[in-house]
Amino acid sequence: VESVADIAAALKLHPKYLIQTFKRAYHIGLWDYVLRMRVAHAQRLLLTTDESVTTIALDSGFATSSAFYRAFSQFTNGMKPSGFRRLGRDRGTTL
C-alpha cells in the first residue's frame, strides 16, 4: 500500500470518505494507523531476526530508509532502529 488513495481504491471508496469514516471509528488517522502497523512490524523483525535495518525497512513497507527512520523515530520517542534492537536484546525482550 503506497497511499490512502490505494486503500480507498481497493475498497471502492472515495479517499475523503474513507479518511473521515476511519478517523470517526478509530480516533486515529488512517495513514497514522498504517505507519504504526509498519513500525510495529519492523519492531518485531528487529527483535526476532538478524536482518539488516534496510531489509527490515523494505519488508515493513517503507519505500526508503529515510521514510522508515522518520516514522520509527516518530512512534518510538526518537529511538533509532539499531538502538531499539540493542535495548530489546539487552533486556532479553522478544515478541
Foldseek 3Di string as FASTA:
>chain_A
DQDLVVVCVVVVHDSVVVQVVCCVVPVDGPVLVLLVQLLVQLLQCLQPHPDDSQVSCVVSPHPDPVVNQVSNCVVPVHDGSVRSSVVCVVVVHHD
